[in-house]
Amino acid sequence: MTRATVAKARARATDTELVIHRGGCHCRRVRFEVEAPAALRVQDCNCSLCRMSGFLHLIVPAARFRLLSGAEDLSEYTFNTGVAKHRFCRVCGVKSFYIPRSNPDGVDVNVRCLDEGTVTSLEVEPFDGSNWEQHAAALAHLSL
């Protein structure tokens, strides 16, 4: 193998290795950590709620998410089927994570709420949440 081939293989391995990202809401009462690659691939959903809030989705298995503080400061909003549990800080109003309808066994973290310093790259892919029923299955693998 050439040095270039070895370097590319190492870069790919690094892209998939998990690191601990920390984040939370604006007032910092809600704090969490999530294990995910440093190079993130996230979804930009065009449903009414995500479009209005600017949420960038990083869906992970529940075991890779830890709420560190602020459980008592969270308010919950549900609509439509009630499966998704939208959790907001009751003090500052920021939704830094929630339990998504597409992956109720996982947690969906707003990448915009991660602290700086651990994300090495960010690839944003569109997700057609306006036609959720036709496209939701494409997200199922993210919480496995």
Protein backbone atom coordinates (compact mmCIF):
# COMPACT_ATOMS: atom_id res chain seq x y z
CA MET A 1 0.00 0.00 0.00
CA THR A 2 1.14 3.50 -0.73
CA ARG A 3 1.29 6.21 1.90
CA ALA A 4 -1.66 7.96 0.25
CA THR A 5 -3.77 4.79 0.44
CA VAL A 6 -2.90 4.31 4.12
CA ALA A 7 -3.70 7.97 4.86
CA LYS A 8 -7.09 7.68 3.14
CA ALA A 9 -7.90 4.49 5.07
CA ARG A 10 -6.98 6.18 8.35
CA ALA A 11 -9.11 9.21 7.49
CA ARG A 12 -12.12 6.95 6.77
CA ALA A 13 -11.60 5.10 10.07
CA THR A 14 -11.35 8.41 11.95
CA ASP A 15 -14.56 9.64 10.30
CA THR A 16 -16.46 6.68 11.75
CA GLU A 17 -14.86 6.57 15.21
CA LEU A 18 -17.15 7.94 17.89
CA VAL A 19 -16.27 11.00 19.93
CA ILE A 20 -18.19 12.65 22.72
CA HIS A 21 -19.91 15.86 21.68
CA ARG A 22 -21.41 18.06 24.39
CA GLY A 23 -24.17 20.58 23.99
CA GLY A 24 -27.35 22.04 25.36
CA CYS A 25 -29.77 24.91 25.30
CA HIS A 26 -29.05 28.64 25.19
CA CYS A 27 -29.28 29.28 28.94
CA ARG A 28 -27.17 26.13 29.58
CA ARG A 29 -29.62 24.64 32.09
CA VAL A 30 -30.14 21.67 29.74
CA ARG A 31 -26.84 19.94 29.06
CA PHE A 32 -26.16 16.64 27.31
CA GLU A 33 -23.48 14.57 25.68
CA VAL A 34 -23.81 12.38 22.62
CA GLU A 35 -21.47 9.84 21.06
CA ALA A 36 -21.18 10.30 17.30
CA PRO A 37 -18.48 10.58 14.66
CA ALA A 38 -16.50 13.83 14.51
CA ALA A 39 -17.45 14.07 10.82
CA LEU A 40 -21.23 14.37 10.93
CA ARG A 41 -23.86 13.63 8.32
CA VAL A 42 -27.13 15.25 9.34
CA GLN A 43 -30.58 15.82 7.89
CA ASP A 44 -32.29 19.13 7.13
CA CYS A 45 -36.02 18.40 7.25
CA ASN A 46 -38.56 20.56 5.44
CA CYS A 47 -41.60 19.70 7.60
CA SER A 48 -43.43 22.66 9.12
CA LEU A 49 -41.84 22.41 12.58
CA CYS A 50 -38.25 21.79 11.48
CA ARG A 51 -38.42 24.39 8.74
CA MET A 52 -39.61 27.01 11.21
CA SER A 53 -37.08 26.12 13.91
CA GLY A 54 -33.97 25.40 11.78
CA PHE A 55 -33.36 22.05 13.49
CA LEU A 56 -30.49 20.03 11.95
CA HIS A 57 -31.01 16.35 12.80
CA LEU A 58 -28.41 14.02 14.26
CA ILE A 59 -30.30 10.83 15.16
CA VAL A 60 -28.48 8.38 17.42
CA PRO A 61 -29.40 5.27 19.43
CA ALA A 62 -30.69 6.22 22.89
CA ALA A 63 -27.70 4.46 24.50
CA ARG A 64 -25.36 7.02 22.89
CA PHE A 65 -27.15 10.02 24.46
CA ARG A 66 -26.86 11.19 28.06
CA LEU A 67 -28.81 14.04 29.62
CA LEU A 68 -26.36 15.59 32.09
CA SER A 69 -28.56 18.28 33.60
CA GLY A 70 -31.82 20.12 33.18
CA ALA A 71 -34.40 17.32 33.15
CA GLU A 72 -36.54 19.46 35.47
CA ASP A 73 -36.28 22.39 33.03
CA LEU A 74 -37.72 20.51 30.04
CA SER A 75 -41.23 21.02 28.69
CA GLU A 76 -42.72 18.61 26.19
CA TYR A 77 -44.76 19.30 23.07
CA THR A 78 -46.54 16.66 21.01
CA PHE A 79 -48.84 16.91 18.02
CA ASN A 80 -50.38 14.74 15.31
CA THR A 81 -49.70 11.10 16.33
CA GLY A 82 -48.08 12.09 19.65
CA VAL A 83 -45.16 9.70 19.08
CA ALA A 84 -42.52 12.42 18.77
CA LYS A 85 -41.64 14.00 22.10
CA HIS A 86 -40.43 17.53 21.37
CA ARG A 87 -38.55 18.72 24.46
CA PHE A 88 -37.79 22.38 25.01
CA CYS A 89 -36.02 24.23 27.77
CA ARG A 90 -38.81 25.98 29.69
CA VAL A 91 -36.46 28.88 30.48
CA CYS A 92 -34.91 29.81 27.09
CA GLY A 93 -37.22 27.89 24.72
CA VAL A 94 -34.49 26.04 22.80
CA LYS A 95 -35.14 22.49 21.59
CA SER A 96 -31.67 20.94 21.71
CA PHE A 97 -32.91 17.32 21.37
CA TYR A 98 -36.10 15.29 21.20
CA ILE A 99 -37.45 11.77 20.70
CA PRO A 100 -38.33 11.53 17.00
CA ARG A 101 -41.37 9.84 15.51
CA SER A 102 -39.14 8.19 12.90
CA ASN A 103 -36.87 6.66 15.56
CA PRO A 104 -38.71 6.46 18.90
CA ASP A 105 -35.91 4.16 20.14
CA GLY A 106 -33.37 6.93 19.56
CA VAL A 107 -32.68 10.57 20.29
CA ASP A 108 -32.50 13.37 17.73
CA VAL A 109 -29.95 16.04 18.62
CA ASN A 110 -29.96 19.50 17.07
CA VAL A 111 -26.42 19.84 15.69
CA ARG A 112 -26.78 23.62 16.03
CA CYS A 113 -26.82 23.06 19.83
CA LEU A 114 -23.49 21.22 20.01
CA ASP A 115 -20.59 23.00 21.68
CA GLU A 116 -17.79 24.05 19.35
CA GLY A 117 -14.61 22.02 19.03
CA THR A 118 -15.53 18.38 18.34
CA VAL A 119 -17.19 18.49 14.91
CA THR A 120 -14.58 18.20 12.17
CA SER A 121 -16.98 18.36 9.23
CA LEU A 122 -20.68 18.62 8.59
CA GLU A 123 -22.52 17.16 5.63
CA VAL A 124 -26.14 18.28 5.43
CA GLU A 125 -28.54 16.20 3.38
CA PRO A 126 -32.13 17.23 2.66
CA PHE A 127 -34.97 15.14 4.08
CA ASP A 128 -38.51 15.47 2.70
CA GLY A 129 -40.43 15.68 5.96
CA SER A 130 -43.30 17.45 4.23
CA ASN A 131 -44.09 14.01 2.82
CA TRP A 132 -43.04 12.20 6.00
CA GLU A 133 -44.98 8.96 5.53
CA GLN A 134 -43.33 8.31 2.16
CA HIS A 135 -39.79 8.98 3.42
CA ALA A 136 -39.60 8.09 7.13
CA ALA A 137 -38.24 4.59 6.53
CA ALA A 138 -35.05 6.15 5.14
CA LEU A 139 -34.18 7.23 8.71
CA ALA A 140 -34.81 3.91 10.49
CA HIS A 141 -31.16 2.77 10.38
CA LEU A 142 -29.91 5.87 12.25
CA SER A 143 -30.94 4.65 15.71
CA LEU A 144 -29.62 1.12 15.35
